[in-house]
């Protein structure tokens, strides 16, 4: 039985516009993605509210705000896609972004990049290419991921996490929803269905981040799901484990 419920699109949109947009970290991530010519369409936002059965006294709210940028599949070799994930629990919040480069021939993920705002206020990129994701273990990749930019006393552990089984179900829902929406599906010959076979790639990226959190003792882990997609057909669901939150929602 699921320990969460899916928000309506309007509710997810209102959270982004009413809370996330006021957050300095969210804005830094949004500005970074804008510099990559990636724009947002909040009408595609997907959100969830839930509790972890191991911590039933603490609830969470999570919203995925995917970018949307039209492209010509036949005439371009690849495109870039991204999402900003906002995670709220108690009086704390965390905002991260995931960026994917999607090659068109063959249709697959070429690279995945995590964007985090570091202690000095700059956006720090942690990129992993497809060759590494195919040939190396999550542990090997995670060991190379730096956490120095997160080493600060100004952040605190979040109150709760999404249950592992629940976040997997949410990730699948995000993927299926974005792959089938009216904005993206017309842009791909097959509606982007072939990208579902790349789930193993995005999952290894997620596992590497989880290993990083454990290896460097980032604090209380929270597992959330994100769709690195600019449109439904370029959607690649993944899960990302992070360890800290901003001190306050409106930091």
Protein backbone atom coordinates (compact mmCIF):
# COMPACT_ATOMS: atom_id res chain seq x y z
CA UNK A 1 0.00 0.00 0.00
CA UNK A 2 1.36 3.39 -1.01
CA UNK A 3 2.21 5.87 1.72
CA UNK A 4 1.71 8.90 -0.52
CA UNK A 5 -0.79 10.53 -2.80
CA UNK A 6 -0.30 12.30 -6.11
CA UNK A 7 -1.08 16.01 -6.21
CA UNK A 8 -3.06 17.57 -9.00
CA UNK A 9 -1.05 19.48 -11.57
CA UNK A 10 -2.52 22.73 -10.28
CA UNK A 11 -1.42 21.91 -6.74
CA UNK A 12 2.11 21.03 -7.88
CA UNK A 13 2.27 24.21 -9.94
CA UNK A 14 1.11 26.32 -6.98
CA UNK A 15 3.86 24.90 -4.75
CA UNK A 16 6.52 25.81 -7.30
CA UNK A 17 5.12 29.29 -7.89
CA UNK A 18 4.24 29.99 -4.25
CA UNK A 19 7.23 28.45 -2.47
CA UNK A 20 10.05 27.24 -4.71
CA UNK A 21 10.18 30.39 -6.82
CA UNK A 22 10.85 32.41 -3.65
CA UNK A 23 13.83 30.23 -2.76
CA UNK A 24 17.33 31.47 -3.60
CA UNK A 25 18.67 27.97 -4.26
CA UNK A 26 15.80 27.16 -6.64
CA UNK A 27 16.45 30.41 -8.50
CA UNK A 28 20.16 29.68 -8.86
CA UNK A 29 19.35 26.30 -10.37
CA UNK A 30 16.74 27.81 -12.65
CA UNK A 31 19.19 30.48 -13.82
CA UNK A 32 21.80 27.82 -14.53
CA UNK A 33 19.35 25.85 -16.66
CA UNK A 34 18.22 29.03 -18.43
CA UNK A 35 21.86 29.59 -19.44
CA UNK A 36 21.59 26.23 -21.23
CA UNK A 37 18.53 27.52 -23.10
CA UNK A 38 16.20 25.31 -21.07
CA UNK A 39 12.82 26.79 -20.24
CA UNK A 40 10.10 25.55 -17.90
CA UNK A 41 6.43 24.80 -18.33
CA UNK A 42 4.93 24.48 -14.86
CA UNK A 43 1.76 23.09 -16.38
CA UNK A 44 3.72 19.82 -16.54
CA UNK A 45 4.72 19.80 -12.86
CA UNK A 46 4.19 16.59 -10.91
CA UNK A 47 3.96 16.47 -7.13
CA UNK A 48 3.46 14.08 -4.23
CA UNK A 49 2.74 14.27 -0.50
CA UNK A 50 3.43 11.37 1.82
CA UNK A 51 4.95 9.90 4.94
CA UNK A 52 7.62 7.32 5.55
CA UNK A 53 6.06 4.45 7.55
CA UNK A 54 9.22 4.38 9.67
CA UNK A 55 8.70 8.05 10.55
CA UNK A 56 4.92 8.55 10.48
CA UNK A 57 5.06 11.80 12.46
CA UNK A 58 6.88 13.64 9.67
CA UNK A 59 5.36 14.24 6.24
CA UNK A 60 6.99 15.43 3.03
CA UNK A 61 6.01 17.17 -0.18
CA UNK A 62 7.94 16.71 -3.39
CA UNK A 63 7.52 18.49 -6.72
CA UNK A 64 9.30 17.81 -10.01
CA UNK A 65 9.43 20.81 -12.33
CA UNK A 66 10.64 19.55 -15.73
CA UNK A 67 11.99 21.76 -18.47
CA UNK A 68 10.41 21.80 -21.89
CA UNK A 69 12.28 22.82 -25.02
CA UNK A 70 11.08 21.86 -28.49
CA UNK A 71 13.55 20.37 -30.94
CA UNK A 72 13.63 18.66 -34.32
CA UNK A 73 14.48 15.03 -33.68
CA UNK A 74 15.44 14.26 -37.28
CA UNK A 75 17.78 17.21 -37.83
CA UNK A 76 19.56 17.38 -34.46
CA UNK A 77 21.98 14.81 -33.00
CA UNK A 78 20.89 15.33 -29.39
CA UNK A 79 19.13 17.58 -26.93
CA UNK A 80 19.46 18.51 -23.28
CA UNK A 81 16.75 17.93 -20.71
CA UNK A 82 16.43 18.76 -17.02
CA UNK A 83 14.23 18.95 -13.94
CA UNK A 84 14.42 20.80 -10.65
CA UNK A 85 13.27 18.73 -7.69
CA UNK A 86 11.90 20.51 -4.63
CA UNK A 87 11.56 18.48 -1.43
CA UNK A 88 9.85 19.91 1.65
CA UNK A 89 9.52 18.48 5.14
CA UNK A 90 8.82 20.43 8.30
CA UNK A 91 10.46 23.85 8.05
CA UNK A 92 13.23 22.58 5.77
CA UNK A 93 13.59 22.31 2.03
CA UNK A 94 16.01 20.99 -0.52
CA UNK A 95 16.30 21.86 -4.20
CA UNK A 96 18.48 20.02 -6.69
CA UNK A 97 18.48 19.59 -10.45
CA UNK A 98 19.27 16.73 -12.79
CA UNK A 99 20.36 17.25 -16.38
CA UNK A 100 20.46 14.65 -19.12
CA UNK A 101 21.95 14.82 -22.60
CA UNK A 102 19.84 12.61 -24.85
CA UNK A 103 21.38 11.40 -28.11
CA UNK A 104 18.99 10.78 -31.00
CA UNK A 105 20.84 8.13 -32.99
CA UNK A 106 20.80 5.86 -31.15
CA UNK A 107 18.10 7.16 -28.83
CA UNK A 108 19.72 6.91 -25.41
CA UNK A 109 21.12 8.83 -22.46
CA UNK A 110 24.58 10.19 -23.30
CA UNK A 111 25.32 11.67 -19.86
CA UNK A 112 23.72 12.59 -16.55
CA UNK A 113 24.64 15.56 -14.37
CA UNK A 114 23.58 16.47 -10.86
CA UNK A 115 23.39 20.19 -10.07
CA UNK A 116 23.71 21.28 -6.44
CA UNK A 117 24.16 24.72 -4.90
CA UNK A 118 27.32 24.65 -2.80
CA UNK A 119 28.17 26.39 0.43
CA UNK A 120 29.60 29.39 -1.46
CA UNK A 121 26.39 29.85 -3.42
CA UNK A 122 27.74 28.53 -6.72
CA UNK A 123 26.16 25.72 -8.74
CA UNK A 124 28.33 22.61 -8.62
CA UNK A 125 28.05 20.01 -11.38
CA UNK A 126 28.63 16.31 -10.90
CA UNK A 127 28.61 14.70 -14.35
CA UNK A 128 28.87 11.06 -15.36
CA UNK A 129 29.06 9.96 -18.99
CA UNK A 130 27.41 6.91 -20.45
CA UNK A 131 30.64 4.97 -20.84
CA UNK A 132 31.24 5.17 -17.10
CA UNK A 133 27.64 4.29 -16.30
CA UNK A 134 27.86 1.21 -18.51
CA UNK A 135 31.31 -0.04 -17.49
CA UNK A 136 31.73 0.93 -13.84
CA UNK A 137 29.89 0.03 -10.67
CA UNK A 138 27.82 2.52 -8.70
CA UNK A 139 30.41 2.27 -5.91
CA UNK A 140 33.27 3.18 -8.25
CA UNK A 141 31.36 6.17 -9.58
CA UNK A 142 30.22 7.29 -6.15
CA UNK A 143 33.75 7.28 -4.74
CA UNK A 144 34.79 9.89 -7.32
CA UNK A 145 31.92 12.26 -6.52
CA UNK A 146 33.02 15.15 -4.35
CA UNK A 147 30.99 16.41 -1.41
CA UNK A 148 33.28 19.27 -0.41
CA UNK A 149 30.77 21.82 -1.70
CA UNK A 150 28.16 20.51 0.78
CA UNK A 151 30.41 20.61 3.85
CA UNK A 152 28.79 23.42 5.83
CA UNK A 153 27.15 23.94 9.19
CA UNK A 154 24.36 26.00 7.61
CA UNK A 155 22.46 22.92 6.47
CA UNK A 156 20.61 20.35 8.46
CA UNK A 157 19.24 16.89 7.95
CA UNK A 158 15.69 16.63 6.70
CA UNK A 159 13.00 15.24 8.97
CA UNK A 160 11.97 12.34 6.77
CA UNK A 161 12.43 10.56 3.46
CA UNK A 162 10.19 8.94 0.90
CA UNK A 163 9.86 5.21 1.47
CA UNK A 164 12.07 3.28 -0.99
CA UNK A 165 9.19 1.36 -2.58
CA UNK A 166 7.09 4.51 -2.77
CA UNK A 167 9.79 6.54 -4.48
CA UNK A 168 10.27 3.83 -7.09
CA UNK A 169 6.55 3.96 -7.83
CA UNK A 170 6.66 7.75 -8.00
CA UNK A 171 9.61 7.64 -10.40
CA UNK A 172 7.70 5.30 -12.70
CA UNK A 173 4.67 7.58 -12.54
CA UNK A 174 6.74 10.64 -13.44
CA UNK A 175 8.29 8.83 -16.40
CA UNK A 176 5.02 7.52 -17.77
CA UNK A 177 3.25 10.85 -17.31
CA UNK A 178 5.89 12.92 -19.06
CA UNK A 179 6.33 10.39 -21.83
CA UNK A 180 2.64 10.48 -22.67
CA UNK A 181 1.79 14.15 -22.29
CA UNK A 182 0.64 16.26 -25.21
CA UNK A 183 3.69 18.53 -25.13
CA UNK A 184 6.38 15.94 -25.72
CA UNK A 185 4.94 12.89 -27.40
CA UNK A 186 4.69 14.52 -30.85
CA UNK A 187 8.42 15.28 -30.88
CA UNK A 188 9.64 11.69 -31.08
CA UNK A 189 9.01 9.04 -33.73
CA UNK A 190 8.12 6.46 -31.08
CA UNK A 191 6.97 8.76 -28.31
CA UNK A 192 10.27 8.22 -26.52
CA UNK A 193 9.38 4.68 -25.49
CA UNK A 194 12.87 3.38 -26.30
CA UNK A 195 14.29 5.50 -23.50
CA UNK A 196 12.58 3.27 -20.97
CA UNK A 197 15.25 0.69 -21.69
CA UNK A 198 17.79 3.15 -20.29
CA UNK A 199 16.33 2.84 -16.81
CA UNK A 200 19.37 0.78 -15.81
CA UNK A 201 21.61 3.75 -16.66
CA UNK A 202 19.68 6.29 -14.62
CA UNK A 203 19.32 3.79 -11.77
CA UNK A 204 23.09 3.31 -11.57
CA UNK A 205 23.52 7.08 -11.42
CA UNK A 206 21.05 7.18 -8.54
CA UNK A 207 22.80 4.34 -6.76
CA UNK A 208 26.14 6.11 -7.14
CA UNK A 209 24.71 9.18 -5.45
CA UNK A 210 23.30 7.03 -2.68
CA UNK A 211 26.70 5.41 -2.22
CA UNK A 212 28.29 8.86 -2.10
CA UNK A 213 25.91 9.87 0.70
CA UNK A 214 26.83 6.78 2.71
CA UNK A 215 30.56 6.92 1.99
CA UNK A 216 31.04 10.53 3.02
CA UNK A 217 28.48 10.52 5.84
CA UNK A 218 26.39 13.33 4.41
CA UNK A 219 23.86 12.94 7.16
CA UNK A 220 20.34 11.63 7.13
CA UNK A 221 19.63 10.41 3.63
CA UNK A 222 16.48 11.33 1.79
CA UNK A 223 15.58 9.49 -1.35
CA UNK A 224 13.54 11.37 -3.88
CA UNK A 225 12.68 10.84 -7.52
CA UNK A 226 13.27 13.09 -10.47
CA UNK A 227 12.60 12.99 -14.15
CA UNK A 228 15.43 14.41 -16.19
CA UNK A 229 13.28 15.44 -19.07
CA UNK A 230 12.64 18.45 -21.22
CA UNK A 231 9.69 16.71 -22.78
CA UNK A 232 7.79 13.48 -22.40
CA UNK A 233 9.72 11.64 -25.05
CA UNK A 234 13.08 12.49 -23.57
CA UNK A 235 12.04 11.47 -20.10
CA UNK A 236 14.35 9.28 -18.06
CA UNK A 237 13.17 8.64 -14.55
CA UNK A 238 15.78 8.25 -11.89
CA UNK A 239 16.15 8.42 -8.15
CA UNK A 240 18.56 10.66 -6.36
CA UNK A 241 19.70 10.37 -2.77
CA UNK A 242 20.80 13.56 -1.06
CA UNK A 243 21.76 14.26 2.49
CA UNK A 244 21.06 17.82 3.53
CA UNK A 245 18.39 20.49 3.35
CA UNK A 246 18.52 24.22 3.51
CA UNK A 247 17.95 25.51 6.98
CA UNK A 248 14.63 27.16 6.18
CA UNK A 249 12.14 27.06 3.35
CA UNK A 250 12.64 30.71 2.40
CA UNK A 251 16.40 30.78 2.73
